[in-house]
Amino acid sequence: MAEEISVEQINAGALFAGDAVFPGVNDGVAVLLASSQFVRKTELEGLVDALQDQAPITVTATTALGLSAVGAVVQVQSSGNVVLSLPTEAVVPWPVNAEIWVTREGTGEVTLSGAGGVDVRSGGSKYRINLQYDSVIVRRIGANKWALLGALKA
């Protein structure tokens, strides 16, 4: 059973690794996500603040993501399988460090992929959102390179 995390531990910069908590990392790494990639507490807070300022985007079928998704929550609401693809920078002029939050609201599978020439990276080659109501952060890490962070499965 996972140990319960307090707000005080989060604010103190505790390090979360799986079910273990390592207090006192002092605003260093805050969360170890399912993909074994770390997110700094300050980055997570900034993303949450940005997401609160935008209305969610609802997706019900396979689609290519665009600039309107940057900094937004993309809610996939479908009972069928949906693929969200990331176009090349020749098609969409992605900003540096672009981030997109994707949630699986429906019962259908949600797969994240890149168009030809786009490298999508994920620990363990996991590209599908794990369960209904789980979320993933899609972050641009370079020209035509993206990282997936969050609740993923193969």
N, C-alpha and C. Protein backbone atom coordinates (compact mmCIF):
# COMPACT_ATOMS: atom_id res chain seq x y z
N MET A 1 0.84 -1.18 0.00
CA MET A 1 0.00 0.00 0.00
C MET A 1 0.88 1.24 0.00
N ALA A 2 0.53 2.23 -0.83
CA ALA A 2 1.31 3.45 -0.93
C ALA A 2 1.18 4.28 0.34
N GLU A 3 2.30 4.90 0.71
CA GLU A 3 2.30 5.78 1.86
C GLU A 3 1.56 7.07 1.51
N GLU A 4 0.77 7.59 2.43
CA GLU A 4 0.04 8.83 2.19
C GLU A 4 1.01 10.00 2.24
N ILE A 5 0.87 10.93 1.31
CA ILE A 5 1.75 12.08 1.19
C ILE A 5 1.03 13.31 1.71
N SER A 6 1.68 14.09 2.56
CA SER A 6 1.06 15.29 3.09
C SER A 6 1.45 16.51 2.27
N VAL A 7 0.65 17.55 2.37
CA VAL A 7 0.95 18.82 1.70
C VAL A 7 2.27 19.37 2.23
N GLU A 8 2.52 19.19 3.51
CA GLU A 8 3.77 19.68 4.10
C GLU A 8 4.98 19.01 3.45
N GLN A 9 4.87 17.70 3.18
CA GLN A 9 5.97 16.99 2.53
C GLN A 9 6.18 17.51 1.11
N ILE A 10 5.10 17.77 0.42
CA ILE A 10 5.21 18.29 -0.95
C ILE A 10 5.87 19.66 -0.92
N ASN A 11 5.39 20.54 -0.04
CA ASN A 11 5.95 21.89 0.05
C ASN A 11 7.39 21.88 0.52
N ALA A 12 7.80 20.86 1.28
CA ALA A 12 9.18 20.75 1.74
C ALA A 12 10.09 20.17 0.66
N GLY A 13 9.53 19.82 -0.48
CA GLY A 13 10.33 19.29 -1.58
C GLY A 13 10.64 17.83 -1.44
N ALA A 14 9.75 17.06 -0.83
CA ALA A 14 9.97 15.63 -0.67
C ALA A 14 10.11 14.96 -2.03
N LEU A 15 10.86 13.89 -2.06
CA LEU A 15 11.05 13.12 -3.27
C LEU A 15 10.17 11.89 -3.19
N PHE A 16 9.35 11.67 -4.21
CA PHE A 16 8.46 10.52 -4.25
C PHE A 16 9.02 9.53 -5.26
N ALA A 17 9.24 8.31 -4.82
CA ALA A 17 9.74 7.27 -5.71
C ALA A 17 8.90 6.03 -5.50
N GLY A 18 8.01 5.77 -6.45
CA GLY A 18 7.11 4.63 -6.28
C GLY A 18 6.25 4.83 -5.05
N ASP A 19 6.32 3.91 -4.11
CA ASP A 19 5.55 4.02 -2.88
C ASP A 19 6.34 4.64 -1.75
N ALA A 20 7.60 4.99 -1.97
CA ALA A 20 8.44 5.53 -0.89
C ALA A 20 8.51 7.04 -0.95
N VAL A 21 8.72 7.67 0.19
CA VAL A 21 8.85 9.12 0.28
C VAL A 21 10.19 9.45 0.89
N PHE A 22 10.92 10.36 0.26
CA PHE A 22 12.21 10.79 0.76
C PHE A 22 12.14 12.28 1.05
N PRO A 23 11.90 12.69 2.30
CA PRO A 23 11.72 14.10 2.61
C PRO A 23 13.02 14.91 2.48
N GLY A 24 12.84 16.22 2.30
CA GLY A 24 13.94 17.16 2.37
C GLY A 24 14.78 17.29 1.12
N VAL A 25 14.22 17.05 -0.04
CA VAL A 25 15.00 17.21 -1.26
C VAL A 25 15.07 18.69 -1.67
N ASN A 26 14.35 19.54 -0.94
CA ASN A 26 14.43 21.00 -1.07
C ASN A 26 14.19 21.50 -2.49
N ASP A 27 12.95 21.37 -2.92
CA ASP A 27 12.51 21.85 -4.22
C ASP A 27 13.27 21.21 -5.38
N GLY A 28 13.85 20.07 -5.13
CA GLY A 28 14.47 19.32 -6.20
C GLY A 28 13.40 18.53 -6.90
N VAL A 29 13.66 17.29 -7.14
CA VAL A 29 12.71 16.44 -7.82
C VAL A 29 11.53 16.17 -6.90
N ALA A 30 10.31 16.32 -7.40
CA ALA A 30 9.14 16.16 -6.55
C ALA A 30 8.38 14.86 -6.80
N VAL A 31 8.28 14.44 -8.02
CA VAL A 31 7.43 13.29 -8.31
C VAL A 31 8.13 12.35 -9.27
N LEU A 32 8.12 11.07 -8.95
CA LEU A 32 8.60 10.05 -9.88
C LEU A 32 7.37 9.45 -10.52
N LEU A 33 7.20 9.70 -11.79
CA LEU A 33 6.00 9.24 -12.48
C LEU A 33 6.17 7.79 -12.92
N ALA A 34 5.08 7.22 -13.39
CA ALA A 34 5.07 5.81 -13.77
C ALA A 34 6.10 5.51 -14.86
N SER A 35 6.47 6.48 -15.65
CA SER A 35 7.42 6.26 -16.74
C SER A 35 8.86 6.37 -16.27
N SER A 36 9.09 6.47 -14.95
CA SER A 36 10.42 6.57 -14.36
C SER A 36 11.13 7.87 -14.73
N GLN A 37 10.37 8.90 -15.01
CA GLN A 37 10.95 10.20 -15.28
C GLN A 37 10.53 11.14 -14.16
N PHE A 38 11.43 12.04 -13.79
CA PHE A 38 11.17 12.94 -12.68
C PHE A 38 10.62 14.28 -13.17
N VAL A 39 9.81 14.90 -12.33
CA VAL A 39 9.27 16.24 -12.61
C VAL A 39 9.57 17.09 -11.39
N ARG A 40 10.11 18.27 -11.60
CA ARG A 40 10.39 19.16 -10.49
C ARG A 40 9.08 19.73 -9.95
N LYS A 41 9.06 19.94 -8.65
CA LYS A 41 7.87 20.48 -7.98
C LYS A 41 7.46 21.80 -8.62
N THR A 42 8.42 22.67 -8.91
CA THR A 42 8.09 23.98 -9.49
C THR A 42 7.49 23.83 -10.88
N GLU A 43 7.95 22.85 -11.67
CA GLU A 43 7.38 22.63 -13.00
C GLU A 43 5.95 22.15 -12.89
N LEU A 44 5.69 21.26 -11.95
CA LEU A 44 4.35 20.73 -11.76
C LEU A 44 3.40 21.85 -11.32
N GLU A 45 3.84 22.69 -10.40
CA GLU A 45 3.01 23.80 -9.93
C GLU A 45 2.70 24.77 -11.07
N GLY A 46 3.72 25.08 -11.90
CA GLY A 46 3.53 25.99 -13.02
C GLY A 46 2.55 25.44 -14.04
N LEU A 47 2.63 24.14 -14.29
CA LEU A 47 1.71 23.51 -15.23
C LEU A 47 0.29 23.55 -14.70
N VAL A 48 0.11 23.25 -13.43
CA VAL A 48 -1.22 23.28 -12.83
C VAL A 48 -1.81 24.69 -12.92
N ASP A 49 -1.00 25.71 -12.64
CA ASP A 49 -1.48 27.10 -12.73
C ASP A 49 -1.92 27.43 -14.15
N ALA A 50 -1.12 27.04 -15.14
CA ALA A 50 -1.45 27.32 -16.54
C ALA A 50 -2.72 26.60 -16.96
N LEU A 51 -2.88 25.36 -16.51
CA LEU A 51 -4.05 24.58 -16.90
C LEU A 51 -5.34 25.16 -16.33
N GLN A 52 -5.26 25.80 -15.19
CA GLN A 52 -6.45 26.37 -14.57
C GLN A 52 -6.97 27.58 -15.34
N ASP A 53 -6.14 28.15 -16.21
CA ASP A 53 -6.52 29.34 -16.96
C ASP A 53 -7.18 29.03 -18.29
N GLN A 54 -7.24 27.77 -18.71
CA GLN A 54 -7.78 27.42 -20.03
C GLN A 54 -8.92 26.42 -19.91
N ALA A 55 -9.88 26.56 -20.80
CA ALA A 55 -10.97 25.59 -20.88
C ALA A 55 -10.42 24.32 -21.50
N PRO A 56 -10.88 23.15 -21.06
CA PRO A 56 -10.39 21.90 -21.65
C PRO A 56 -10.83 21.74 -23.10
N ILE A 57 -10.06 20.97 -23.84
CA ILE A 57 -10.38 20.63 -25.22
C ILE A 57 -10.90 19.20 -25.22
N THR A 58 -12.07 18.97 -25.77
CA THR A 58 -12.66 17.64 -25.80
C THR A 58 -12.38 16.99 -27.15
N VAL A 59 -11.88 15.75 -27.10
CA VAL A 59 -11.59 14.98 -28.30
C VAL A 59 -12.39 13.69 -28.22
N THR A 60 -13.05 13.32 -29.31
CA THR A 60 -13.87 12.11 -29.32
C THR A 60 -13.42 11.10 -30.39
N ALA A 61 -12.43 11.47 -31.21
CA ALA A 61 -11.96 10.58 -32.27
C ALA A 61 -10.48 10.85 -32.53
N THR A 62 -9.85 9.97 -33.27
CA THR A 62 -8.44 10.11 -33.62
C THR A 62 -8.21 11.47 -34.27
N THR A 63 -7.14 12.15 -33.83
CA THR A 63 -6.86 13.48 -34.35
C THR A 63 -5.39 13.83 -34.19
N ALA A 64 -4.94 14.82 -34.95
CA ALA A 64 -3.60 15.38 -34.79
C ALA A 64 -3.72 16.58 -33.86
N LEU A 65 -2.84 16.67 -32.88
CA LEU A 65 -2.85 17.80 -31.96
C LEU A 65 -2.24 19.02 -32.64
N GLY A 66 -2.67 20.19 -32.21
CA GLY A 66 -2.16 21.43 -32.78
C GLY A 66 -1.82 22.43 -31.70
N LEU A 67 -1.53 23.65 -32.10
CA LEU A 67 -1.11 24.69 -31.16
C LEU A 67 -2.15 24.98 -30.08
N SER A 68 -3.43 24.80 -30.40
CA SER A 68 -4.46 25.08 -29.40
C SER A 68 -4.35 24.14 -28.19
N ALA A 69 -3.68 23.00 -28.35
CA ALA A 69 -3.54 22.04 -27.25
C ALA A 69 -2.41 22.42 -26.29
N VAL A 70 -1.49 23.28 -26.73
CA VAL A 70 -0.36 23.65 -25.89
C VAL A 70 -0.85 24.40 -24.65
N GLY A 71 -0.47 23.90 -23.50
CA GLY A 71 -0.88 24.52 -22.24
C GLY A 71 -2.30 24.20 -21.84
N ALA A 72 -2.94 23.31 -22.56
CA ALA A 72 -4.35 23.00 -22.29
C ALA A 72 -4.48 21.56 -21.79
N VAL A 73 -5.68 21.24 -21.32
CA VAL A 73 -6.03 19.87 -20.97
C VAL A 73 -6.84 19.33 -22.15
N VAL A 74 -6.37 18.22 -22.71
CA VAL A 74 -7.09 17.54 -23.78
C VAL A 74 -7.80 16.36 -23.13
N GLN A 75 -9.12 16.41 -23.10
CA GLN A 75 -9.93 15.35 -22.51
C GLN A 75 -10.43 14.43 -23.62
N VAL A 76 -9.97 13.18 -23.60
CA VAL A 76 -10.40 12.22 -24.61
C VAL A 76 -11.62 11.49 -24.05
N GLN A 77 -12.77 11.74 -24.69
CA GLN A 77 -14.04 11.17 -24.24
C GLN A 77 -14.59 10.28 -25.34
N SER A 78 -14.23 8.98 -25.26
CA SER A 78 -14.65 8.05 -26.30
C SER A 78 -14.70 6.64 -25.73
N SER A 79 -15.67 5.87 -26.21
CA SER A 79 -15.71 4.45 -25.85
C SER A 79 -14.90 3.63 -26.84
N GLY A 80 -14.52 4.25 -27.96
CA GLY A 80 -13.67 3.59 -28.96
C GLY A 80 -12.23 4.02 -28.79
N ASN A 81 -11.33 3.32 -29.46
CA ASN A 81 -9.91 3.65 -29.38
C ASN A 81 -9.61 4.94 -30.13
N VAL A 82 -8.74 5.78 -29.55
CA VAL A 82 -8.38 7.07 -30.12
C VAL A 82 -6.85 7.18 -30.17
N VAL A 83 -6.35 7.70 -31.28
CA VAL A 83 -4.92 7.99 -31.41
C VAL A 83 -4.76 9.50 -31.51
N LEU A 84 -3.90 10.05 -30.64
CA LEU A 84 -3.54 11.47 -30.71
C LEU A 84 -2.14 11.54 -31.28
N SER A 85 -1.99 12.20 -32.42
CA SER A 85 -0.68 12.26 -33.04
C SER A 85 -0.09 13.66 -32.94
N LEU A 86 1.23 13.70 -32.90
CA LEU A 86 1.98 14.95 -32.83
C LEU A 86 2.60 15.21 -34.21
N PRO A 87 2.12 16.23 -34.91
CA PRO A 87 2.65 16.55 -36.24
C PRO A 87 4.09 17.06 -36.17
N THR A 88 4.76 17.03 -37.30
CA THR A 88 6.13 17.57 -37.37
C THR A 88 6.10 19.09 -37.21
N GLU A 89 7.26 19.63 -36.93
CA GLU A 89 7.37 21.09 -36.79
C GLU A 89 7.22 21.80 -38.12
N ALA A 90 7.34 21.08 -39.21
CA ALA A 90 7.07 21.67 -40.52
C ALA A 90 5.59 21.96 -40.67
N VAL A 91 4.75 21.19 -39.98
CA VAL A 91 3.29 21.35 -40.04
C VAL A 91 2.80 22.27 -38.93
N VAL A 92 3.31 22.10 -37.72
CA VAL A 92 2.91 22.92 -36.57
C VAL A 92 4.17 23.53 -35.96
N PRO A 93 4.25 24.86 -35.86
CA PRO A 93 5.43 25.51 -35.27
C PRO A 93 5.38 25.46 -33.73
N TRP A 94 5.70 24.29 -33.17
CA TRP A 94 5.60 24.09 -31.72
C TRP A 94 6.52 25.03 -30.97
N PRO A 95 6.04 25.64 -29.89
CA PRO A 95 6.93 26.47 -29.07
C PRO A 95 7.92 25.61 -28.28
N VAL A 96 9.04 26.20 -27.90
CA VAL A 96 10.02 25.52 -27.06
C VAL A 96 9.34 25.14 -25.75
N ASN A 97 9.63 23.94 -25.26
CA ASN A 97 9.08 23.43 -24.00
C ASN A 97 7.55 23.37 -23.97
N ALA A 98 6.93 23.17 -25.12
CA ALA A 98 5.47 23.04 -25.17
C ALA A 98 5.04 21.85 -24.32
N GLU A 99 3.93 22.00 -23.59
CA GLU A 99 3.38 20.92 -22.79
C GLU A 99 1.89 20.80 -23.02
N ILE A 100 1.43 19.56 -23.09
CA ILE A 100 0.01 19.26 -23.28
C ILE A 100 -0.37 18.21 -22.24
N TRP A 101 -1.45 18.44 -21.53
CA TRP A 101 -1.94 17.49 -20.53
C TRP A 101 -3.08 16.73 -21.18
N VAL A 102 -2.98 15.40 -21.21
CA VAL A 102 -4.00 14.56 -21.85
C VAL A 102 -4.63 13.66 -20.78
N THR A 103 -5.96 13.67 -20.72
CA THR A 103 -6.67 12.78 -19.78
C THR A 103 -7.55 11.82 -20.56
N ARG A 104 -7.62 10.60 -20.06
CA ARG A 104 -8.47 9.56 -20.67
C ARG A 104 -9.77 9.54 -19.88
N GLU A 105 -10.79 10.21 -20.39
CA GLU A 105 -12.09 10.30 -19.71
C GLU A 105 -13.02 9.15 -20.07
N GLY A 106 -12.89 8.63 -21.28
CA GLY A 106 -13.77 7.55 -21.73
C GLY A 106 -13.16 6.19 -21.46
N THR A 107 -13.88 5.15 -21.88
CA THR A 107 -13.42 3.78 -21.67
C THR A 107 -12.51 3.28 -22.78
N GLY A 108 -12.47 3.99 -23.91
CA GLY A 108 -11.62 3.57 -25.03
C GLY A 108 -10.15 3.83 -24.76
N GLU A 109 -9.30 3.05 -25.42
CA GLU A 109 -7.85 3.23 -25.30
C GLU A 109 -7.43 4.57 -25.92
N VAL A 110 -6.41 5.20 -25.34
CA VAL A 110 -5.85 6.44 -25.88
C VAL A 110 -4.36 6.20 -26.11
N THR A 111 -3.94 6.33 -27.37
CA THR A 111 -2.55 6.12 -27.75
C THR A 111 -1.97 7.44 -28.23
N LEU A 112 -0.75 7.75 -27.80
CA LEU A 112 -0.04 8.95 -28.25
C LEU A 112 1.06 8.53 -29.21
N SER A 113 1.13 9.21 -30.35
CA SER A 113 2.13 8.83 -31.35
C SER A 113 2.61 10.07 -32.09
N GLY A 114 3.72 9.90 -32.79
CA GLY A 114 4.26 10.98 -33.60
C GLY A 114 4.06 10.70 -35.07
N ALA A 115 3.86 11.76 -35.83
CA ALA A 115 3.80 11.62 -37.28
C ALA A 115 5.18 11.18 -37.77
N GLY A 116 5.29 10.78 -39.01
CA GLY A 116 6.58 10.39 -39.57
C GLY A 116 7.62 11.47 -39.32
N GLY A 117 8.76 11.10 -38.76
CA GLY A 117 9.81 12.06 -38.45
C GLY A 117 9.73 12.65 -37.06
N VAL A 118 8.71 12.29 -36.28
CA VAL A 118 8.57 12.79 -34.91
C VAL A 118 8.90 11.66 -33.95
N ASP A 119 9.85 11.93 -33.06
CA ASP A 119 10.30 10.95 -32.07
C ASP A 119 9.54 11.17 -30.77
N VAL A 120 8.74 10.17 -30.36
CA VAL A 120 8.01 10.23 -29.10
C VAL A 120 8.68 9.24 -28.16
N ARG A 121 9.15 9.75 -27.01
CA ARG A 121 9.92 8.91 -26.08
C ARG A 121 9.11 8.63 -24.82
N SER A 122 9.23 7.41 -24.35
CA SER A 122 8.55 6.98 -23.14
C SER A 122 9.29 5.79 -22.56
N GLY A 123 9.51 5.81 -21.24
CA GLY A 123 10.17 4.69 -20.59
C GLY A 123 9.41 3.40 -20.84
N GLY A 124 10.12 2.37 -21.27
CA GLY A 124 9.49 1.08 -21.53
C GLY A 124 8.63 1.05 -22.78
N SER A 125 8.81 2.03 -23.65
CA SER A 125 8.00 2.12 -24.89
C SER A 125 6.51 2.05 -24.59
N LYS A 126 6.08 2.81 -23.60
CA LYS A 126 4.67 2.87 -23.21
C LYS A 126 4.05 4.11 -23.83
N TYR A 127 3.05 3.91 -24.68
CA TYR A 127 2.45 5.02 -25.42
C TYR A 127 0.94 5.13 -25.22
N ARG A 128 0.35 4.28 -24.40
CA ARG A 128 -1.10 4.31 -24.16
C ARG A 128 -1.37 4.75 -22.72
N ILE A 129 -2.40 5.57 -22.56
CA ILE A 129 -2.78 6.00 -21.21
C ILE A 129 -3.35 4.79 -20.48
N ASN A 130 -2.86 4.58 -19.28
CA ASN A 130 -3.11 3.34 -18.55
C ASN A 130 -4.58 3.03 -18.32
N LEU A 131 -5.30 3.85 -17.59
CA LEU A 131 -6.68 3.57 -17.20
C LEU A 131 -7.58 4.78 -17.44
N GLN A 132 -8.88 4.53 -17.44
CA GLN A 132 -9.84 5.62 -17.52
C GLN A 132 -9.57 6.58 -16.36
N TYR A 133 -9.58 7.87 -16.63
CA TYR A 133 -9.34 8.99 -15.70
C TYR A 133 -7.88 9.22 -15.40
N ASP A 134 -6.95 8.46 -15.98
CA ASP A 134 -5.52 8.72 -15.82
C ASP A 134 -5.11 9.85 -16.76
N SER A 135 -3.94 10.45 -16.46
CA SER A 135 -3.44 11.58 -17.24
C SER A 135 -1.98 11.39 -17.63
N VAL A 136 -1.61 12.09 -18.68
CA VAL A 136 -0.24 12.08 -19.19
C VAL A 136 0.13 13.51 -19.59
N ILE A 137 1.38 13.88 -19.32
CA ILE A 137 1.91 15.14 -19.81
C ILE A 137 2.75 14.82 -21.05
N VAL A 138 2.49 15.54 -22.13
CA VAL A 138 3.25 15.40 -23.36
C VAL A 138 4.12 16.65 -23.45
N ARG A 139 5.44 16.47 -23.41
CA ARG A 139 6.34 17.63 -23.35
C ARG A 139 7.34 17.61 -24.50
N ARG A 140 7.44 18.74 -25.18
CA ARG A 140 8.41 18.89 -26.27
C ARG A 140 9.79 19.02 -25.65
N ILE A 141 10.72 18.17 -26.09
CA ILE A 141 12.07 18.19 -25.53
C ILE A 141 13.12 18.55 -26.58
N GLY A 142 12.68 18.82 -27.78
CA GLY A 142 13.59 19.19 -28.85
C GLY A 142 12.83 19.23 -30.16
N ALA A 143 13.54 19.58 -31.22
CA ALA A 143 12.90 19.64 -32.53
C ALA A 143 12.38 18.26 -32.91
N ASN A 144 11.08 18.16 -33.09
CA ASN A 144 10.41 16.89 -33.43
C ASN A 144 10.70 15.78 -32.42
N LYS A 145 10.87 16.15 -31.15
CA LYS A 145 11.10 15.19 -30.06
C LYS A 145 10.17 15.52 -28.90
N TRP A 146 9.48 14.50 -28.43
CA TRP A 146 8.53 14.65 -27.32
C TRP A 146 8.76 13.57 -26.29
N ALA A 147 8.47 13.89 -25.02
CA ALA A 147 8.54 12.91 -23.94
C ALA A 147 7.14 12.76 -23.35
N LEU A 148 6.80 11.54 -22.99
CA LEU A 148 5.52 11.26 -22.33
C LEU A 148 5.81 10.99 -20.86
N LEU A 149 5.07 11.65 -19.98
CA LEU A 149 5.24 11.51 -18.54
C LEU A 149 3.88 11.22 -17.92
N GLY A 150 3.76 10.18 -17.16
CA GLY A 150 2.51 9.92 -16.48
C GLY A 150 2.11 8.47 -16.47
N ALA A 151 0.82 8.25 -16.36
CA ALA A 151 0.25 6.91 -16.21
C ALA A 151 0.13 6.25 -17.59
N LEU A 152 1.14 5.48 -17.95
CA LEU A 152 1.22 4.88 -19.27
C LEU A 152 1.32 3.37 -19.20
N LYS A 153 0.98 2.72 -20.30
CA LYS A 153 1.15 1.27 -20.43
C LYS A 153 1.58 0.95 -21.85
N ALA A 154 2.12 -0.25 -22.02
CA ALA A 154 2.58 -0.68 -23.34
C ALA A 154 1.41 -1.08 -24.21
